[in-house]
Amino acid sequence: MAFTFDPSTDIGRVRLRLADTTEQNAILSDEVITALITDQGGWRGAVAEGARILLAQVARFARNYSTTRRDGTSESVDETAAATYLQSLIEQYGSASPTLPTLTVRRLKGYPSDPFYQS
């Protein structure tokens, strides 16, 4: 698994935003990040898609519960903070994919409302 981290590159930008910056704890390989950048049309889309991948992994194991022990003390476990953070990344970077503008054409008396239209 290849690993590089240079925040001035697209791979580094993705790693920085996904907090995947140390080789010892790397989650995604450079090859996977490069594929995400290509598939999503840039590093911003790759951040959103990478967060979706990580969210799927985190969601499988995240626990959120409260319990009372035999001695009467209670314990709460909430491991959903990582999932919440990943969802915020998806919201922040997910809309960065290019979209075409919406165009509405209206007709007045049978002709388009464009002043340059010639019949």
N, C-alpha and C. Protein backbone atom coordinates (compact mmCIF):
# COMPACT_ATOMS: atom_id res chain seq x y z
N MET A 1 0.85 -1.17 0.00
CA MET A 1 0.00 0.00 0.00
C MET A 1 0.90 1.23 0.00
N ALA A 2 0.81 2.00 -1.08
CA ALA A 2 1.61 3.22 -1.19
C ALA A 2 1.00 4.33 -0.33
N PHE A 3 1.88 5.11 0.31
CA PHE A 3 1.43 6.21 1.15
C PHE A 3 2.32 7.41 0.92
N THR A 4 1.70 8.54 0.61
CA THR A 4 2.40 9.82 0.56
C THR A 4 1.50 10.86 1.22
N PHE A 5 2.12 11.85 1.84
CA PHE A 5 1.34 12.94 2.41
C PHE A 5 2.07 14.24 2.17
N ASP A 6 1.59 14.98 1.21
CA ASP A 6 2.07 16.32 0.89
C ASP A 6 0.83 17.18 0.69
N PRO A 7 0.51 18.05 1.66
CA PRO A 7 -0.74 18.82 1.58
C PRO A 7 -0.88 19.72 0.36
N SER A 8 0.19 19.89 -0.41
CA SER A 8 0.09 20.72 -1.61
C SER A 8 -0.36 19.92 -2.83
N THR A 9 -0.52 18.59 -2.68
CA THR A 9 -1.01 17.75 -3.78
C THR A 9 -2.46 17.39 -3.53
N ASP A 10 -3.13 16.90 -4.57
CA ASP A 10 -4.53 16.49 -4.43
C ASP A 10 -4.66 15.32 -3.46
N ILE A 11 -3.75 14.36 -3.53
CA ILE A 11 -3.78 13.23 -2.59
C ILE A 11 -3.63 13.74 -1.17
N GLY A 12 -2.69 14.66 -0.95
CA GLY A 12 -2.48 15.23 0.37
C GLY A 12 -3.67 16.02 0.87
N ARG A 13 -4.35 16.74 -0.02
CA ARG A 13 -5.54 17.49 0.38
C ARG A 13 -6.64 16.55 0.86
N VAL A 14 -6.80 15.44 0.15
CA VAL A 14 -7.81 14.45 0.56
C VAL A 14 -7.42 13.86 1.91
N ARG A 15 -6.15 13.44 2.04
CA ARG A 15 -5.69 12.86 3.31
C ARG A 15 -5.86 13.83 4.48
N LEU A 16 -5.54 15.10 4.26
CA LEU A 16 -5.63 16.11 5.33
C LEU A 16 -7.07 16.22 5.82
N ARG A 17 -8.02 16.28 4.93
CA ARG A 17 -9.42 16.45 5.32
C ARG A 17 -10.04 15.19 5.91
N LEU A 18 -9.49 14.02 5.56
CA LEU A 18 -9.97 12.77 6.13
C LEU A 18 -9.17 12.36 7.37
N ALA A 19 -8.22 13.21 7.78
CA ALA A 19 -7.36 12.93 8.94
C ALA A 19 -6.62 11.60 8.76
N ASP A 20 -6.15 11.36 7.56
CA ASP A 20 -5.43 10.14 7.20
C ASP A 20 -4.00 10.54 6.85
N THR A 21 -3.29 11.11 7.83
CA THR A 21 -2.02 11.76 7.53
C THR A 21 -0.77 11.02 8.01
N THR A 22 -0.93 9.90 8.68
CA THR A 22 0.25 9.16 9.15
C THR A 22 0.29 7.79 8.49
N GLU A 23 1.47 7.41 8.06
CA GLU A 23 1.63 6.15 7.34
C GLU A 23 1.30 4.95 8.21
N GLN A 24 1.63 5.03 9.50
CA GLN A 24 1.39 3.90 10.40
C GLN A 24 -0.10 3.59 10.55
N ASN A 25 -0.95 4.61 10.47
CA ASN A 25 -2.39 4.43 10.65
C ASN A 25 -3.18 4.73 9.38
N ALA A 26 -2.54 4.62 8.24
CA ALA A 26 -3.20 4.97 6.98
C ALA A 26 -4.43 4.10 6.75
N ILE A 27 -5.48 4.73 6.28
CA ILE A 27 -6.73 4.03 6.01
C ILE A 27 -6.87 3.76 4.51
N LEU A 28 -6.55 4.77 3.70
CA LEU A 28 -6.68 4.65 2.26
C LEU A 28 -5.30 4.70 1.61
N SER A 29 -5.11 3.90 0.58
CA SER A 29 -3.84 3.92 -0.16
C SER A 29 -3.86 5.07 -1.16
N ASP A 30 -2.67 5.44 -1.64
CA ASP A 30 -2.59 6.47 -2.67
C ASP A 30 -3.37 6.06 -3.92
N GLU A 31 -3.33 4.77 -4.22
CA GLU A 31 -4.04 4.28 -5.41
C GLU A 31 -5.55 4.47 -5.27
N VAL A 32 -6.08 4.20 -4.11
CA VAL A 32 -7.52 4.38 -3.87
C VAL A 32 -7.87 5.86 -3.96
N ILE A 33 -7.07 6.70 -3.34
CA ILE A 33 -7.34 8.15 -3.37
C ILE A 33 -7.25 8.67 -4.80
N THR A 34 -6.26 8.21 -5.56
CA THR A 34 -6.13 8.63 -6.95
C THR A 34 -7.36 8.22 -7.75
N ALA A 35 -7.86 7.00 -7.52
CA ALA A 35 -9.07 6.54 -8.21
C ALA A 35 -10.27 7.40 -7.82
N LEU A 36 -10.38 7.77 -6.54
CA LEU A 36 -11.49 8.62 -6.09
C LEU A 36 -11.41 9.99 -6.75
N ILE A 37 -10.21 10.55 -6.82
CA ILE A 37 -10.03 11.86 -7.45
C ILE A 37 -10.46 11.80 -8.92
N THR A 38 -10.05 10.73 -9.61
CA THR A 38 -10.42 10.56 -11.02
C THR A 38 -11.93 10.37 -11.17
N ASP A 39 -12.50 9.49 -10.36
CA ASP A 39 -13.93 9.20 -10.46
C ASP A 39 -14.80 10.39 -10.11
N GLN A 40 -14.37 11.18 -9.14
CA GLN A 40 -15.19 12.28 -8.65
C GLN A 40 -14.86 13.62 -9.30
N GLY A 41 -13.88 13.65 -10.17
CA GLY A 41 -13.56 14.87 -10.91
C GLY A 41 -12.75 15.89 -10.13
N GLY A 42 -12.10 15.50 -9.06
CA GLY A 42 -11.27 16.42 -8.30
C GLY A 42 -11.17 16.00 -6.84
N TRP A 43 -10.32 16.70 -6.10
CA TRP A 43 -10.06 16.29 -4.72
C TRP A 43 -11.25 16.55 -3.80
N ARG A 44 -12.04 17.58 -4.05
CA ARG A 44 -13.19 17.86 -3.18
C ARG A 44 -14.21 16.72 -3.24
N GLY A 45 -14.53 16.26 -4.42
CA GLY A 45 -15.43 15.13 -4.56
C GLY A 45 -14.84 13.87 -3.95
N ALA A 46 -13.51 13.73 -4.07
CA ALA A 46 -12.83 12.57 -3.48
C ALA A 46 -12.92 12.58 -1.96
N VAL A 47 -12.90 13.77 -1.35
CA VAL A 47 -13.07 13.87 0.11
C VAL A 47 -14.45 13.34 0.50
N ALA A 48 -15.47 13.77 -0.21
CA ALA A 48 -16.83 13.31 0.10
C ALA A 48 -16.96 11.81 -0.08
N GLU A 49 -16.44 11.28 -1.18
CA GLU A 49 -16.56 9.84 -1.43
C GLU A 49 -15.71 9.04 -0.44
N GLY A 50 -14.52 9.56 -0.11
CA GLY A 50 -13.69 8.90 0.90
C GLY A 50 -14.38 8.89 2.25
N ALA A 51 -15.05 9.99 2.59
CA ALA A 51 -15.80 10.05 3.85
C ALA A 51 -16.94 9.04 3.84
N ARG A 52 -17.59 8.84 2.68
CA ARG A 52 -18.66 7.84 2.58
C ARG A 52 -18.11 6.43 2.84
N ILE A 53 -16.93 6.15 2.29
CA ILE A 53 -16.30 4.85 2.51
C ILE A 53 -15.98 4.66 3.99
N LEU A 54 -15.38 5.68 4.59
CA LEU A 54 -15.04 5.59 6.01
C LEU A 54 -16.28 5.52 6.88
N LEU A 55 -17.32 6.25 6.51
CA LEU A 55 -18.57 6.23 7.26
C LEU A 55 -19.18 4.83 7.27
N ALA A 56 -19.11 4.16 6.15
CA ALA A 56 -19.63 2.80 6.07
C ALA A 56 -18.88 1.88 7.03
N GLN A 57 -17.56 2.07 7.13
CA GLN A 57 -16.76 1.25 8.05
C GLN A 57 -17.08 1.59 9.50
N VAL A 58 -17.13 2.89 9.82
CA VAL A 58 -17.38 3.33 11.19
C VAL A 58 -18.78 2.93 11.64
N ALA A 59 -19.76 3.09 10.77
CA ALA A 59 -21.15 2.82 11.13
C ALA A 59 -21.37 1.35 11.49
N ARG A 60 -20.57 0.48 10.93
CA ARG A 60 -20.72 -0.95 11.23
C ARG A 60 -20.40 -1.26 12.68
N PHE A 61 -19.53 -0.45 13.31
CA PHE A 61 -19.06 -0.77 14.66
C PHE A 61 -19.41 0.28 15.71
N ALA A 62 -20.00 1.40 15.30
CA ALA A 62 -20.32 2.46 16.26
C ALA A 62 -21.42 2.01 17.21
N ARG A 63 -21.20 2.28 18.50
CA ARG A 63 -22.19 1.92 19.51
C ARG A 63 -22.60 3.17 20.27
N ASN A 64 -23.84 3.19 20.70
CA ASN A 64 -24.35 4.29 21.51
C ASN A 64 -25.37 3.68 22.48
N TYR A 65 -24.97 3.54 23.74
CA TYR A 65 -25.87 2.94 24.71
C TYR A 65 -25.54 3.41 26.12
N SER A 66 -26.47 3.20 27.00
CA SER A 66 -26.28 3.46 28.43
C SER A 66 -26.67 2.20 29.17
N THR A 67 -25.98 1.93 30.25
CA THR A 67 -26.27 0.74 31.04
C THR A 67 -26.05 1.05 32.52
N THR A 68 -26.71 0.32 33.36
CA THR A 68 -26.54 0.46 34.81
C THR A 68 -25.84 -0.81 35.32
N ARG A 69 -24.77 -0.57 36.06
CA ARG A 69 -24.03 -1.70 36.61
C ARG A 69 -24.73 -2.24 37.86
N ARG A 70 -24.27 -3.37 38.31
CA ARG A 70 -24.85 -3.99 39.51
C ARG A 70 -24.69 -3.12 40.75
N ASP A 71 -23.61 -2.32 40.77
CA ASP A 71 -23.40 -1.46 41.94
C ASP A 71 -24.21 -0.17 41.88
N GLY A 72 -25.04 -0.02 40.84
CA GLY A 72 -25.92 1.15 40.73
C GLY A 72 -25.35 2.29 39.91
N THR A 73 -24.09 2.23 39.58
CA THR A 73 -23.51 3.29 38.74
C THR A 73 -23.89 3.04 37.28
N SER A 74 -23.95 4.12 36.56
CA SER A 74 -24.31 3.98 35.15
C SER A 74 -23.10 4.27 34.26
N GLU A 75 -23.16 3.72 33.10
CA GLU A 75 -22.09 3.91 32.11
C GLU A 75 -22.75 4.23 30.78
N SER A 76 -22.21 5.24 30.10
CA SER A 76 -22.69 5.60 28.77
C SER A 76 -21.56 5.45 27.77
N VAL A 77 -21.86 4.89 26.66
CA VAL A 77 -20.89 4.73 25.57
C VAL A 77 -21.49 5.36 24.33
N ASP A 78 -20.74 6.28 23.73
CA ASP A 78 -21.20 6.92 22.50
C ASP A 78 -20.03 6.97 21.53
N GLU A 79 -20.05 6.10 20.57
CA GLU A 79 -18.99 6.03 19.57
C GLU A 79 -19.47 6.57 18.23
N THR A 80 -20.47 7.43 18.26
CA THR A 80 -21.04 7.94 17.02
C THR A 80 -20.43 9.27 16.58
N ALA A 81 -19.50 9.83 17.36
CA ALA A 81 -18.90 11.11 17.02
C ALA A 81 -18.16 11.04 15.68
N ALA A 82 -17.46 9.94 15.44
CA ALA A 82 -16.74 9.80 14.17
C ALA A 82 -17.72 9.77 13.00
N ALA A 83 -18.83 9.09 13.17
CA ALA A 83 -19.84 9.04 12.10
C ALA A 83 -20.42 10.42 11.84
N THR A 84 -20.67 11.17 12.91
CA THR A 84 -21.20 12.53 12.76
C THR A 84 -20.21 13.42 12.02
N TYR A 85 -18.93 13.29 12.37
CA TYR A 85 -17.89 14.08 11.69
C TYR A 85 -17.82 13.73 10.21
N LEU A 86 -17.86 12.45 9.89
CA LEU A 86 -17.80 12.03 8.49
C LEU A 86 -19.02 12.52 7.72
N GLN A 87 -20.18 12.51 8.35
CA GLN A 87 -21.38 13.03 7.69
C GLN A 87 -21.23 14.52 7.40
N SER A 88 -20.58 15.26 8.30
CA SER A 88 -20.38 16.70 8.06
C SER A 88 -19.42 16.92 6.90
N LEU A 89 -18.41 16.05 6.75
CA LEU A 89 -17.51 16.16 5.59
C LEU A 89 -18.26 15.90 4.30
N ILE A 90 -19.14 14.91 4.31
CA ILE A 90 -19.91 14.59 3.11
C ILE A 90 -20.79 15.78 2.73
N GLU A 91 -21.42 16.41 3.73
CA GLU A 91 -22.26 17.57 3.46
C GLU A 91 -21.42 18.74 2.94
N GLN A 92 -20.23 18.92 3.53
CA GLN A 92 -19.39 20.06 3.16
C GLN A 92 -18.79 19.90 1.76
N TYR A 93 -18.31 18.71 1.45
CA TYR A 93 -17.62 18.50 0.18
C TYR A 93 -18.45 17.76 -0.85
N GLY A 94 -19.56 17.19 -0.45
CA GLY A 94 -20.37 16.38 -1.35
C GLY A 94 -21.02 17.16 -2.47
N SER A 95 -21.31 18.42 -2.24
CA SER A 95 -21.95 19.23 -3.27
C SER A 95 -20.95 19.88 -4.19
N ALA A 96 -19.67 19.53 -4.04
CA ALA A 96 -18.63 20.16 -4.85
C ALA A 96 -18.56 19.58 -6.26
N SER A 97 -19.28 18.48 -6.50
CA SER A 97 -19.23 17.91 -7.84
C SER A 97 -19.91 18.88 -8.81
N PRO A 98 -19.36 18.99 -10.00
CA PRO A 98 -19.92 19.95 -10.94
C PRO A 98 -21.34 19.59 -11.35
N THR A 99 -22.18 20.59 -11.39
CA THR A 99 -23.55 20.39 -11.85
C THR A 99 -23.86 21.45 -12.90
N LEU A 100 -24.76 21.12 -13.76
CA LEU A 100 -25.15 22.08 -14.78
C LEU A 100 -26.21 23.02 -14.23
N PRO A 101 -26.19 24.27 -14.64
CA PRO A 101 -27.22 25.20 -14.15
C PRO A 101 -28.58 24.84 -14.73
N THR A 102 -29.60 25.24 -14.02
CA THR A 102 -30.97 25.01 -14.48
C THR A 102 -31.39 26.17 -15.36
N LEU A 103 -32.01 25.87 -16.46
CA LEU A 103 -32.47 26.89 -17.39
C LEU A 103 -33.97 26.73 -17.57
N THR A 104 -34.69 27.82 -17.37
CA THR A 104 -36.13 27.81 -17.57
C THR A 104 -36.46 28.66 -18.79
N VAL A 105 -37.17 28.08 -19.73
CA VAL A 105 -37.58 28.81 -20.93
C VAL A 105 -39.08 29.03 -20.84
N ARG A 106 -39.48 30.29 -20.94
CA ARG A 106 -40.89 30.64 -20.91
C ARG A 106 -41.29 31.24 -22.25
N ARG A 107 -42.50 31.01 -22.61
CA ARG A 107 -43.00 31.55 -23.87
C ARG A 107 -44.05 32.63 -23.59
N LEU A 108 -43.95 33.70 -24.31
CA LEU A 108 -44.96 34.74 -24.26
C LEU A 108 -45.60 34.84 -25.65
N LYS A 109 -46.88 34.67 -25.71
CA LYS A 109 -47.61 34.75 -26.97
C LYS A 109 -47.01 33.82 -28.03
N GLY A 110 -46.54 32.67 -27.61
CA GLY A 110 -46.05 31.69 -28.58
C GLY A 110 -44.59 31.85 -28.96
N TYR A 111 -43.91 32.89 -28.47
CA TYR A 111 -42.49 33.08 -28.79
C TYR A 111 -41.68 33.03 -27.50
N PRO A 112 -40.44 32.54 -27.59
CA PRO A 112 -39.60 32.53 -26.39
C PRO A 112 -39.40 33.96 -25.87
N SER A 113 -39.14 34.08 -24.58
CA SER A 113 -38.98 35.40 -23.97
C SER A 113 -37.59 35.99 -24.18
N ASP A 114 -36.76 35.32 -24.95
CA ASP A 114 -35.42 35.83 -25.25
C ASP A 114 -35.56 37.02 -26.20
N PRO A 115 -35.03 38.23 -25.82
CA PRO A 115 -35.19 39.41 -26.68
C PRO A 115 -34.46 39.28 -28.01
N PHE A 116 -33.50 38.35 -28.11
CA PHE A 116 -32.74 38.20 -29.33
C PHE A 116 -33.31 37.13 -30.25
N TYR A 117 -34.45 36.53 -29.84
CA TYR A 117 -35.09 35.50 -30.66
C TYR A 117 -35.69 36.13 -31.91
N GLN A 118 -35.43 35.49 -33.02
CA GLN A 118 -36.00 35.97 -34.27
C GLN A 118 -36.80 34.84 -34.90
N SER A 119 -38.02 35.12 -35.25
CA SER A 119 -38.88 34.09 -35.84
C SER A 119 -38.70 34.03 -37.34
